[in-house]
N, C-alpha and C. Protein backbone atom coordinates (compact mmCIF):
# COMPACT_ATOMS: atom_id res chain seq x y z
N LEU A 1 -9.25 -10.52 -0.77
CA LEU A 1 -7.77 -9.99 -0.84
C LEU A 1 -7.45 -10.44 1.08
N ILE A 2 -5.92 -10.68 1.07
CA ILE A 2 -5.45 -10.67 2.26
C ILE A 2 -4.38 -9.30 2.62
N TRP A 3 -4.67 -8.83 3.40
CA TRP A 3 -4.42 -7.81 3.64
C TRP A 3 -3.31 -7.81 5.37
N LEU A 4 -2.03 -7.44 5.24
CA LEU A 4 -0.91 -7.70 6.12
C LEU A 4 -0.69 -6.50 6.92
N HIS A 5 -0.77 -6.75 7.82
CA HIS A 5 -0.28 -5.30 8.86
C HIS A 5 1.65 -5.17 9.04
N GLY A 6 1.34 -3.63 9.37
CA GLY A 6 3.22 -3.85 9.60
C GLY A 6 3.84 -4.06 11.13
N LEU A 7 5.08 -3.84 10.99
CA LEU A 7 5.22 -4.66 12.45
C LEU A 7 4.81 -3.87 13.21
N GLY A 8 4.74 -4.76 14.67
CA GLY A 8 4.16 -4.26 15.76
C GLY A 8 2.61 -3.82 16.07
N ALA A 9 1.81 -4.38 15.15
CA ALA A 9 0.76 -3.54 14.75
C ALA A 9 -0.47 -5.15 14.50
N ASP A 10 -1.69 -4.76 14.71
CA ASP A 10 -2.51 -6.47 14.33
C ASP A 10 -3.23 -5.52 13.39
N GLU A 11 -3.99 -7.09 13.39
CA GLU A 11 -5.71 -7.36 12.33
C GLU A 11 -6.38 -5.62 12.36
N ASN A 12 -6.44 -5.22 14.00
CA ASN A 12 -7.08 -4.36 13.69
C ASN A 12 -7.10 -2.42 13.15
N ASP A 13 -5.76 -2.88 13.10
CA ASP A 13 -4.72 -1.28 12.42
C ASP A 13 -5.60 -1.28 11.05
N PHE A 14 -6.49 -1.98 10.40
CA PHE A 14 -6.36 -1.83 9.01
C PHE A 14 -7.65 -1.86 8.70
N VAL A 15 -8.40 -2.00 10.04
CA VAL A 15 -10.12 -2.47 9.59
C VAL A 15 -11.18 -1.04 8.98
N PRO A 16 -10.43 0.14 9.54
CA PRO A 16 -10.87 1.59 8.99
C PRO A 16 -10.54 1.30 7.96
N PHE A 17 -9.35 0.98 7.25
CA PHE A 17 -8.78 1.56 6.13
C PHE A 17 -9.70 0.59 4.94
N ILE A 18 -9.93 -0.77 5.34
CA ILE A 18 -10.78 -1.80 4.69
C ILE A 18 -11.94 -1.47 4.57
N LYS A 19 -12.73 -0.87 5.37
CA LYS A 19 -13.80 0.04 5.43
C LYS A 19 -14.38 1.41 4.55
N ASN A 20 -12.88 1.77 4.63
CA ASN A 20 -13.05 2.86 3.78
C ASN A 20 -12.76 2.71 2.00
N LEU A 21 -12.54 1.41 1.84
CA LEU A 21 -12.48 1.06 0.42
C LEU A 21 -13.94 0.68 -0.11
N ASP A 22 -14.86 0.25 0.77
CA ASP A 22 -16.25 0.16 0.62
C ASP A 22 -16.43 -0.84 -0.83
N LEU A 23 -16.35 -1.74 -0.69
CA LEU A 23 -16.08 -2.98 -1.36
C LEU A 23 -17.14 -4.07 -1.05
N PRO A 24 -17.68 -4.04 -1.11
CA PRO A 24 -18.83 -4.79 -0.30
C PRO A 24 -18.58 -6.50 -0.79
N ASP A 25 -17.98 -6.54 -2.26
CA ASP A 25 -17.91 -7.93 -2.71
C ASP A 25 -16.66 -8.18 -2.72
N VAL A 26 -15.81 -7.57 -2.15
CA VAL A 26 -14.68 -8.59 -1.58
C VAL A 26 -14.37 -8.81 -0.11
N GLU A 27 -13.95 -10.26 -0.36
CA GLU A 27 -13.72 -10.65 0.83
C GLU A 27 -12.36 -10.16 1.56
N PHE A 28 -12.36 -9.72 2.73
CA PHE A 28 -10.89 -9.54 3.04
C PHE A 28 -10.66 -10.14 4.60
N ILE A 29 -9.67 -10.66 4.58
CA ILE A 29 -8.70 -11.51 5.20
C ILE A 29 -7.87 -10.44 5.94
N LEU A 30 -7.54 -10.46 7.48
CA LEU A 30 -6.68 -9.48 8.11
C LEU A 30 -6.17 -10.41 9.00
N PRO A 31 -5.03 -11.51 8.92
CA PRO A 31 -4.54 -12.32 9.66
C PRO A 31 -3.52 -11.64 10.45
N ASN A 32 -3.21 -12.01 11.54
CA ASN A 32 -1.94 -11.51 12.73
C ASN A 32 -1.34 -12.09 12.34
N ALA A 33 0.30 -11.32 12.74
CA ALA A 33 1.71 -11.73 12.21
C ALA A 33 1.65 -12.33 13.86
N PRO A 34 2.49 -13.74 13.70
CA PRO A 34 3.20 -14.21 14.94
C PRO A 34 4.02 -13.47 15.67
N LEU A 35 3.88 -13.35 16.82
CA LEU A 35 4.85 -12.77 18.08
C LEU A 35 6.12 -13.59 17.81
N ARG A 36 7.06 -12.37 17.70
CA ARG A 36 8.55 -12.96 17.41
C ARG A 36 9.52 -11.89 18.53
N PRO A 37 10.68 -12.52 18.71
CA PRO A 37 11.43 -11.29 18.96
C PRO A 37 12.28 -10.57 17.99
N ILE A 38 12.20 -8.83 18.11
CA ILE A 38 12.83 -8.02 16.81
C ILE A 38 13.88 -7.74 17.01
N SER A 39 14.89 -8.11 16.27
CA SER A 39 16.55 -7.43 16.62
C SER A 39 16.91 -5.92 16.79
N MET A 40 15.60 -5.40 16.03
CA MET A 40 16.13 -3.84 15.87
C MET A 40 15.63 -3.22 17.14
N ASN A 41 14.56 -3.78 17.86
CA ASN A 41 13.79 -3.60 18.93
C ASN A 41 14.36 -4.13 20.31
N ASN A 42 16.13 -4.29 20.04
CA ASN A 42 16.15 -4.99 21.30
C ASN A 42 15.82 -6.30 21.62
N GLY A 43 15.37 -7.13 20.73
CA GLY A 43 15.02 -8.60 21.04
C GLY A 43 13.91 -8.06 21.77
N VAL A 44 12.60 -7.15 21.60
CA VAL A 44 11.18 -7.19 22.44
C VAL A 44 10.56 -7.80 21.42
N GLU A 45 9.66 -9.08 21.98
CA GLU A 45 8.64 -9.19 21.24
C GLU A 45 7.52 -8.84 20.65
N MET A 46 6.98 -8.67 19.71
CA MET A 46 5.83 -8.33 19.06
C MET A 46 5.44 -8.47 17.91
N ARG A 47 4.35 -8.67 17.37
CA ARG A 47 3.86 -9.03 15.84
C ARG A 47 4.83 -8.67 14.81
N GLY A 48 4.99 -9.75 13.86
CA GLY A 48 6.34 -9.04 12.83
C GLY A 48 6.32 -10.58 11.87
N TRP A 49 6.12 -10.17 10.71
CA TRP A 49 5.73 -11.26 9.86
C TRP A 49 7.59 -12.11 10.03
N PHE A 50 8.39 -11.25 10.02
CA PHE A 50 9.68 -11.38 10.06
C PHE A 50 10.89 -10.54 10.93
N ASP A 51 11.96 -10.76 11.27
CA ASP A 51 12.83 -10.29 11.83
C ASP A 51 13.57 -9.35 11.09
N ILE A 52 13.47 -7.97 11.76
CA ILE A 52 15.00 -6.93 11.40
C ILE A 52 15.65 -6.16 12.34
N LYS A 53 16.78 -6.30 11.43
CA LYS A 53 18.04 -6.02 12.69
C LYS A 53 18.10 -4.57 12.41
N SER A 54 18.11 -3.45 11.24
CA SER A 54 18.04 -1.80 11.09
C SER A 54 17.12 -1.39 9.82
N LEU A 55 17.29 -0.66 9.98
CA LEU A 55 16.51 0.13 8.83
C LEU A 55 17.84 0.48 7.87
N THR A 56 18.51 -0.11 7.82
CA THR A 56 19.06 -0.24 6.07
C THR A 56 18.66 -1.51 5.70
N PHE A 57 18.30 -2.31 6.15
CA PHE A 57 17.41 -3.41 5.93
C PHE A 57 18.63 -4.37 4.92
N GLN A 58 20.13 -4.22 5.32
CA GLN A 58 21.13 -5.20 4.79
C GLN A 58 21.04 -6.32 4.78
N TYR A 59 20.70 -6.81 6.41
CA TYR A 59 20.20 -7.90 6.80
C TYR A 59 19.10 -8.76 6.33
N GLN A 60 18.58 -9.51 5.81
CA GLN A 60 17.14 -10.06 5.75
C GLN A 60 16.97 -11.73 6.11
N ASP A 61 15.96 -11.43 7.29
CA ASP A 61 15.78 -12.75 7.73
C ASP A 61 14.53 -13.81 6.81
N ASN A 62 15.46 -13.91 6.20
CA ASN A 62 15.01 -15.08 4.76
C ASN A 62 13.89 -16.61 5.34
N GLN A 63 14.48 -16.87 6.61
CA GLN A 63 13.28 -18.09 7.17
C GLN A 63 12.30 -17.73 7.61
N GLY A 64 12.24 -16.35 8.40
CA GLY A 64 10.52 -15.88 8.63
C GLY A 64 9.91 -15.37 7.39
N LEU A 65 10.72 -14.88 7.01
CA LEU A 65 10.19 -14.64 5.42
C LEU A 65 9.14 -15.66 4.71
N LYS A 66 10.02 -16.66 4.81
CA LYS A 66 9.67 -18.19 4.07
C LYS A 66 8.30 -18.70 5.30
N GLU A 67 8.62 -18.39 6.42
CA GLU A 67 7.76 -19.35 7.13
C GLU A 67 6.01 -18.30 7.31
N SER A 68 6.42 -17.19 7.14
CA SER A 68 5.18 -16.19 7.23
C SER A 68 4.57 -16.45 5.55
N LYS A 69 5.36 -16.43 4.26
CA LYS A 69 5.19 -17.14 3.27
C LYS A 69 4.25 -18.09 3.08
N ARG A 70 4.78 -19.54 3.88
CA ARG A 70 3.81 -20.27 4.16
C ARG A 70 2.56 -20.49 4.87
N HIS A 71 2.57 -19.39 5.56
CA HIS A 71 1.07 -19.42 6.52
C HIS A 71 0.35 -18.41 5.57
N LEU A 72 0.68 -17.50 4.33
CA LEU A 72 -0.02 -16.86 3.03
C LEU A 72 -0.60 -18.13 2.30
N GLU A 73 0.56 -19.29 2.40
CA GLU A 73 -0.23 -19.80 1.31
C GLU A 73 -1.42 -20.93 1.60
N ASP A 74 -0.91 -21.04 3.02
CA ASP A 74 -1.87 -21.91 3.45
C ASP A 74 -3.10 -21.06 3.52
N ILE A 75 -3.46 -19.94 3.78
CA ILE A 75 -4.37 -19.50 3.48
C ILE A 75 -5.38 -19.30 2.46
N ILE A 76 -4.22 -18.94 1.34
CA ILE A 76 -4.72 -18.89 0.20
C ILE A 76 -5.70 -20.32 -0.16
N LYS A 77 -4.56 -21.29 0.26
CA LYS A 77 -5.19 -22.82 -0.36
C LYS A 77 -6.48 -22.87 0.59
N ASN A 78 -6.71 -22.92 2.10
CA ASN A 78 -8.07 -23.26 2.35
C ASN A 78 -8.98 -22.21 2.01
N ARG A 79 -8.57 -20.72 1.95
CA ARG A 79 -9.76 -19.96 1.22
C ARG A 79 -10.07 -20.59 -0.24
N CYS A 80 -9.36 -20.89 -1.34
CA CYS A 80 -9.98 -21.40 -2.56
C CYS A 80 -10.75 -22.54 -2.21
N GLU A 81 -10.78 -23.43 -1.20
CA GLU A 81 -10.92 -24.87 -1.42
C GLU A 81 -12.42 -24.64 -1.32
N LEU A 82 -12.94 -23.90 -0.22
CA LEU A 82 -14.48 -23.32 -0.34
C LEU A 82 -15.35 -22.93 -1.32
N TYR A 83 -14.63 -21.94 -2.19
CA TYR A 83 -14.98 -22.19 -4.10
C TYR A 83 -15.36 -22.72 -4.81
N SER A 84 -16.10 -23.03 -5.60
CA SER A 84 -16.14 -24.11 -6.42
C SER A 84 -15.45 -23.35 -7.74
N SER A 85 -15.92 -22.90 -7.97
CA SER A 85 -14.25 -21.85 -9.09
C SER A 85 -13.44 -21.31 -8.18
N SER A 86 -11.94 -20.87 -8.88
CA SER A 86 -10.92 -20.27 -8.42
C SER A 86 -11.48 -18.94 -8.60
N PRO A 87 -11.03 -18.85 -7.20
CA PRO A 87 -11.36 -16.73 -6.72
C PRO A 87 -10.12 -15.68 -7.35
N LYS A 88 -10.37 -14.85 -7.48
CA LYS A 88 -9.65 -13.96 -7.83
C LYS A 88 -8.71 -13.61 -6.19
N VAL A 89 -7.07 -13.60 -6.18
CA VAL A 89 -6.56 -13.76 -4.88
C VAL A 89 -5.80 -12.44 -5.15
N PHE A 90 -6.09 -11.72 -3.78
CA PHE A 90 -4.98 -10.37 -3.98
C PHE A 90 -4.39 -10.13 -2.53
N LEU A 91 -2.95 -9.92 -2.63
CA LEU A 91 -2.14 -9.93 -1.61
C LEU A 91 -1.94 -8.25 -1.42
N GLY A 92 -2.05 -7.79 -0.18
CA GLY A 92 -1.85 -6.03 -0.04
C GLY A 92 -1.04 -6.29 1.74
N GLY A 93 -0.47 -4.85 1.96
CA GLY A 93 -0.12 -5.08 3.30
C GLY A 93 0.90 -3.70 3.35
N PHE A 94 0.64 -3.13 4.62
CA PHE A 94 1.83 -1.89 5.01
C PHE A 94 2.92 -2.27 5.54
N SER A 95 4.08 -1.65 5.02
CA SER A 95 5.18 -1.72 5.86
C SER A 95 5.80 -3.13 5.64
N GLN A 96 6.17 -3.76 6.89
CA GLN A 96 6.59 -5.28 6.71
C GLN A 96 5.34 -6.06 6.17
N GLY A 97 4.66 -5.63 6.09
CA GLY A 97 3.39 -6.65 5.08
C GLY A 97 3.09 -6.00 3.86
N ALA A 98 3.86 -5.52 3.66
CA ALA A 98 3.94 -4.97 2.39
C ALA A 98 5.18 -5.70 1.64
N ALA A 99 6.46 -5.79 2.00
CA ALA A 99 7.19 -6.82 1.73
C ALA A 99 6.88 -8.13 1.91
N LEU A 100 6.03 -8.50 2.62
CA LEU A 100 5.83 -9.93 2.83
C LEU A 100 4.57 -10.08 1.42
N SER A 101 3.73 -9.09 1.32
CA SER A 101 2.65 -9.33 0.43
C SER A 101 3.61 -9.18 -0.84
N LEU A 102 4.67 -9.28 -1.77
CA LEU A 102 5.53 -8.41 -2.35
C LEU A 102 6.48 -9.86 -2.94
N PHE A 103 7.11 -10.42 -1.54
CA PHE A 103 7.71 -11.79 -1.48
C PHE A 103 6.85 -12.46 -2.06
N THR A 104 5.73 -12.55 -1.22
CA THR A 104 4.99 -14.13 -1.78
C THR A 104 4.23 -13.74 -2.98
N GLY A 105 3.86 -12.98 -3.19
CA GLY A 105 3.02 -12.50 -4.64
C GLY A 105 3.91 -12.89 -5.94
N LEU A 106 5.10 -12.63 -5.81
CA LEU A 106 5.86 -12.39 -6.77
C LEU A 106 6.93 -14.14 -6.54
N SER A 107 6.83 -15.37 -5.62
CA SER A 107 7.13 -16.20 -6.04
C SER A 107 6.44 -17.40 -5.51
N THR A 108 4.75 -17.25 -5.24
CA THR A 108 4.32 -18.52 -5.01
C THR A 108 4.09 -19.10 -5.88
N ASN A 109 3.40 -20.22 -6.18
CA ASN A 109 2.78 -21.12 -7.06
C ASN A 109 1.55 -21.02 -7.49
N HIS A 110 0.74 -20.43 -6.42
CA HIS A 110 -0.34 -19.71 -6.68
C HIS A 110 -0.89 -18.96 -7.28
N GLU A 111 -1.80 -18.68 -8.27
CA GLU A 111 -1.88 -17.65 -9.11
C GLU A 111 -2.88 -16.27 -8.31
N ILE A 112 -1.78 -15.16 -8.52
CA ILE A 112 -2.03 -14.07 -7.48
C ILE A 112 -2.77 -12.96 -8.54
N SER A 113 -3.49 -12.25 -8.42
CA SER A 113 -4.44 -11.47 -8.96
C SER A 113 -4.33 -9.86 -8.96
N GLY A 114 -3.26 -10.06 -8.11
CA GLY A 114 -2.43 -8.54 -7.91
C GLY A 114 -1.63 -8.55 -6.60
N VAL A 115 -1.06 -7.29 -6.20
CA VAL A 115 -0.25 -7.05 -4.80
C VAL A 115 -0.67 -5.55 -5.19
N ILE A 116 -0.97 -5.11 -3.82
CA ILE A 116 -0.60 -3.53 -3.04
C ILE A 116 0.07 -3.65 -2.05
N ALA A 117 1.02 -2.90 -2.62
CA ALA A 117 2.58 -2.68 -1.48
C ALA A 117 2.33 -0.77 -1.26
N LEU A 118 1.93 -0.80 0.62
CA LEU A 118 2.13 0.82 0.79
C LEU A 118 3.21 0.80 1.92
N SER A 119 4.29 1.83 1.73
CA SER A 119 5.16 1.84 2.26
C SER A 119 6.31 0.67 2.75
N GLY A 120 6.39 -0.11 1.93
CA GLY A 120 7.15 -1.07 2.00
C GLY A 120 7.87 -1.20 1.09
N TYR A 121 8.77 -2.01 0.57
CA TYR A 121 9.47 -2.38 0.09
C TYR A 121 10.27 -4.18 -0.76
N LEU A 122 10.81 -4.70 -1.76
CA LEU A 122 10.84 -6.10 -2.09
C LEU A 122 11.97 -6.56 -1.61
N PRO A 123 11.86 -7.40 -0.85
CA PRO A 123 12.63 -8.08 0.01
C PRO A 123 13.98 -8.53 -1.36
N LYS A 124 15.42 -8.74 -0.97
CA LYS A 124 16.11 -9.09 -1.81
C LYS A 124 16.31 -10.68 -2.62
N GLY A 125 16.51 -10.73 -3.20
CA GLY A 125 17.21 -12.27 -3.94
C GLY A 125 15.83 -13.48 -4.00
N ILE A 126 14.57 -12.68 -4.47
CA ILE A 126 13.73 -13.63 -4.49
C ILE A 126 13.45 -14.30 -5.91
N LYS A 127 12.75 -15.98 -5.78
CA LYS A 127 13.24 -16.78 -6.70
C LYS A 127 11.57 -16.57 -7.56
N LEU A 128 11.53 -15.72 -8.57
CA LEU A 128 10.42 -15.42 -9.09
C LEU A 128 10.08 -16.88 -9.53
N SER A 129 8.45 -16.92 -9.34
CA SER A 129 7.86 -18.43 -9.68
C SER A 129 7.78 -18.32 -11.18
N GLY A 130 7.37 -19.57 -11.36
CA GLY A 130 7.33 -19.24 -13.21
C GLY A 130 6.00 -19.17 -13.88
N LEU A 131 5.43 -18.24 -13.01
CA LEU A 131 3.88 -17.31 -13.48
C LEU A 131 4.26 -16.06 -13.76
N LYS A 132 3.55 -15.87 -14.74
CA LYS A 132 3.37 -14.07 -14.89
C LYS A 132 3.29 -13.16 -13.84
N ASN A 133 4.70 -12.72 -13.37
CA ASN A 133 3.78 -11.59 -12.15
C ASN A 133 2.85 -11.30 -12.35
N PRO A 134 2.00 -10.76 -11.55
CA PRO A 134 0.51 -10.16 -11.08
C PRO A 134 0.92 -9.00 -11.22
N PRO A 135 -0.14 -7.93 -11.15
CA PRO A 135 -0.16 -6.42 -11.56
C PRO A 135 0.27 -5.72 -9.91
N ILE A 136 1.17 -4.88 -10.23
CA ILE A 136 1.55 -4.22 -8.80
C ILE A 136 1.36 -2.82 -8.48
N ILE A 137 0.75 -2.69 -7.64
CA ILE A 137 0.71 -1.08 -7.26
C ILE A 137 1.65 -0.59 -5.83
N ALA A 138 2.48 0.04 -5.81
CA ALA A 138 3.68 0.16 -4.61
C ALA A 138 3.52 1.78 -4.97
N ILE A 139 2.91 1.84 -3.07
CA ILE A 139 2.45 3.36 -2.80
C ILE A 139 3.70 3.99 -1.90
N HIS A 140 4.51 4.90 -1.48
CA HIS A 140 5.61 5.46 -0.48
C HIS A 140 5.26 6.99 -0.57
N GLY A 141 5.89 7.19 1.00
CA GLY A 141 5.47 8.38 1.35
C GLY A 141 7.06 9.15 0.96
N GLU A 142 7.26 10.35 0.25
CA GLU A 142 8.80 10.76 0.22
C GLU A 142 9.22 11.49 1.39
N GLY A 143 8.67 11.54 2.31
CA GLY A 143 9.06 11.75 3.33
C GLY A 143 9.49 10.69 4.97
N ASP A 144 9.50 9.42 3.95
CA ASP A 144 9.22 8.35 5.14
C ASP A 144 10.61 8.04 5.71
N ASP A 145 10.22 8.00 6.76
CA ASP A 145 11.64 7.94 8.18
C ASP A 145 11.49 6.89 8.68
N ILE A 146 11.23 5.78 8.40
CA ILE A 146 11.14 4.39 8.61
C ILE A 146 12.03 3.58 7.19
N ILE A 147 11.13 3.60 5.96
CA ILE A 147 11.43 2.94 5.23
C ILE A 147 11.89 3.96 4.22
N ALA A 148 13.26 4.24 3.82
CA ALA A 148 13.45 5.30 2.99
C ALA A 148 12.82 5.20 1.38
N LEU A 149 12.55 6.09 1.30
CA LEU A 149 11.94 6.57 -0.49
C LEU A 149 13.10 6.02 -1.28
N ASP A 150 14.92 6.09 -1.36
CA ASP A 150 15.22 5.47 -1.76
C ASP A 150 15.49 4.04 -1.41
N ILE A 151 15.37 3.36 -0.38
CA ILE A 151 15.32 1.90 -0.50
C ILE A 151 14.33 1.57 -1.04
N ALA A 152 13.44 2.04 -0.65
CA ALA A 152 12.01 1.76 -1.99
C ALA A 152 12.40 1.24 -3.25
N LYS A 153 12.70 2.61 -3.56
CA LYS A 153 12.89 2.45 -5.52
C LYS A 153 14.04 1.64 -5.45
N ASN A 154 15.20 1.45 -5.35
CA ASN A 154 15.62 0.71 -5.49
C ASN A 154 15.81 -0.84 -5.34
N SER A 155 14.66 -1.10 -4.16
CA SER A 155 14.58 -2.56 -4.21
C SER A 155 13.44 -2.59 -5.51
N TYR A 156 12.78 -2.07 -5.90
CA TYR A 156 12.03 -2.65 -7.34
C TYR A 156 12.80 -2.16 -8.23
N LEU A 157 13.95 -2.44 -8.76
CA LEU A 157 14.45 -2.11 -10.18
C LEU A 157 14.37 -3.36 -10.73
N LYS A 158 14.11 -4.78 -10.30
CA LYS A 158 14.31 -5.82 -10.49
C LYS A 158 12.81 -5.69 -11.45
N ILE A 159 11.60 -5.54 -10.84
CA ILE A 159 10.40 -5.57 -11.18
C ILE A 159 9.53 -4.38 -12.06
N GLN A 160 10.13 -2.99 -12.09
CA GLN A 160 9.71 -1.97 -12.69
C GLN A 160 9.45 -1.98 -13.73
N LYS A 161 10.27 -2.81 -14.59
CA LYS A 161 10.27 -2.54 -15.94
C LYS A 161 8.57 -3.73 -16.67
N SER A 162 8.44 -4.33 -15.50
CA SER A 162 6.63 -5.15 -15.60
C SER A 162 6.00 -4.04 -16.20
N GLU A 163 5.17 -4.54 -16.96
CA GLU A 163 3.98 -3.85 -17.44
C GLU A 163 2.89 -3.61 -17.09
N ASP A 164 3.10 -4.24 -15.90
CA ASP A 164 2.09 -3.64 -13.97
C ASP A 164 2.11 -3.16 -13.59
N PHE A 165 3.62 -2.86 -13.76
CA PHE A 165 3.98 -2.50 -12.13
C PHE A 165 3.83 -0.81 -12.38
N LEU A 166 3.08 -0.27 -11.02
CA LEU A 166 3.09 1.15 -10.81
C LEU A 166 3.24 1.71 -9.47
N PHE A 167 4.43 2.58 -9.71
CA PHE A 167 4.88 3.22 -8.66
C PHE A 167 4.67 4.84 -8.42
N LYS A 168 3.79 4.80 -7.24
CA LYS A 168 3.57 6.25 -6.76
C LYS A 168 3.91 6.68 -5.53
N SER A 169 4.15 7.74 -5.16
CA SER A 169 4.27 8.37 -4.33
C SER A 169 4.16 9.49 -3.86
N TYR A 170 3.59 9.99 -2.62
CA TYR A 170 2.81 10.87 -2.05
C TYR A 170 3.80 11.96 -1.01
N ASN A 171 3.74 13.23 -0.98
CA ASN A 171 4.11 13.54 0.31
C ASN A 171 3.92 13.28 1.63
N ILE A 172 4.40 12.46 1.90
CA ILE A 172 3.82 12.27 3.32
C ILE A 172 4.66 11.18 3.97
N ALA A 173 5.17 11.27 5.22
CA ALA A 173 5.74 9.87 5.94
C ALA A 173 5.39 8.57 5.87
N HIS A 174 5.46 8.14 7.07
CA HIS A 174 5.30 6.45 6.77
C HIS A 174 3.72 6.57 7.67
N GLU A 175 2.98 6.38 6.71
CA GLU A 175 1.65 6.66 7.47
C GLU A 175 0.81 6.58 5.60
N VAL A 176 -0.56 6.48 5.86
CA VAL A 176 -1.73 6.16 4.91
C VAL A 176 -2.50 7.20 4.98
N ILE A 177 -2.96 7.58 3.50
CA ILE A 177 -3.87 8.90 3.43
C ILE A 177 -4.90 8.88 2.66
N TYR A 178 -6.09 9.20 2.75
CA TYR A 178 -7.31 8.86 1.97
C TYR A 178 -6.95 8.64 0.48
N GLU A 179 -5.51 9.17 -0.28
CA GLU A 179 -5.52 9.32 -1.77
C GLU A 179 -4.84 8.01 -2.13
N GLU A 180 -4.32 7.73 -1.07
CA GLU A 180 -3.76 6.27 -1.16
C GLU A 180 -5.70 5.05 -1.04
N ILE A 181 -5.70 5.15 -0.31
CA ILE A 181 -7.13 4.42 0.15
C ILE A 181 -7.88 4.50 -1.81
N ILE A 182 -7.92 5.75 -2.33
CA ILE A 182 -8.55 5.62 -3.55
C ILE A 182 -7.70 5.07 -4.62
N ASP A 183 -6.21 5.27 -4.73
CA ASP A 183 -5.53 4.32 -5.53
C ASP A 183 -5.47 3.11 -5.23
N VAL A 184 -5.68 2.47 -4.30
CA VAL A 184 -6.07 0.79 -3.95
C VAL A 184 -7.14 0.42 -4.82
N LYS A 185 -8.77 1.23 -4.29
CA LYS A 185 -9.94 0.81 -4.17
C LYS A 185 -10.01 0.96 -6.30
N ASN A 186 -9.17 1.43 -6.98
CA ASN A 186 -9.30 2.00 -8.12
C ASN A 186 -8.34 0.75 -8.70
N PHE A 187 -7.35 0.39 -8.00
CA PHE A 187 -6.48 -0.81 -8.48
C PHE A 187 -7.21 -2.18 -8.47
N LEU A 188 -7.75 -2.19 -7.15
CA LEU A 188 -8.70 -3.65 -7.52
C LEU A 188 -9.81 -3.86 -8.27
N ILE A 189 -10.50 -2.78 -8.65
CA ILE A 189 -11.65 -2.61 -9.38
C ILE A 189 -11.03 -2.66 -10.69
N LYS A 190 -9.69 -2.24 -11.29
CA LYS A 190 -9.69 -2.27 -12.57
C LYS A 190 -8.74 -4.09 -12.78
N ASN A 191 -8.42 -4.95 -11.42
CA ASN A 191 -8.02 -5.85 -11.38
C ASN A 191 -9.03 -6.99 -11.34
N ILE A 192 -10.41 -6.72 -10.77
CA ILE A 192 -11.09 -8.12 -10.19
C ILE A 192 -11.46 -8.01 -11.54
């Protein structure tokens, strides 16, 4: 499972989350996003998978998304080369990391076994790969003040009819709660 942090965070933010999943047979890879200026934050440089101009998400940094997708594909390729058989590959993330996980999981030519999106959204204009869509679980806070619930729900219209798409919401803000950890664990166990 390649797990992607949100904007301004780093790999350490989700170490407790990974430990709470308690899945000793799963390899977890927590890469760091590169440092880049973020327009929404007055150009302040911070870790980000792509640029964001505002929380309306009208503008999309396609170049940044594609660069980060290539970075993830390199990680997948390098890790898979270490195994004698093809391992199952899952992508997941929180907020901006969730958006990149969905973008990559639906458009890559690598076989993805599942995508986990916590408090994220599906970027616009994805060119779906020719492969079957992987199973997806998307979980969102009903009181999310960073990525509004309606923005998330509307972004999923393109894929919500997929037989393997599950959307859940909780009465929370832009955060992760214990119930989500259980949801993610159950999703992984089901798809491993």
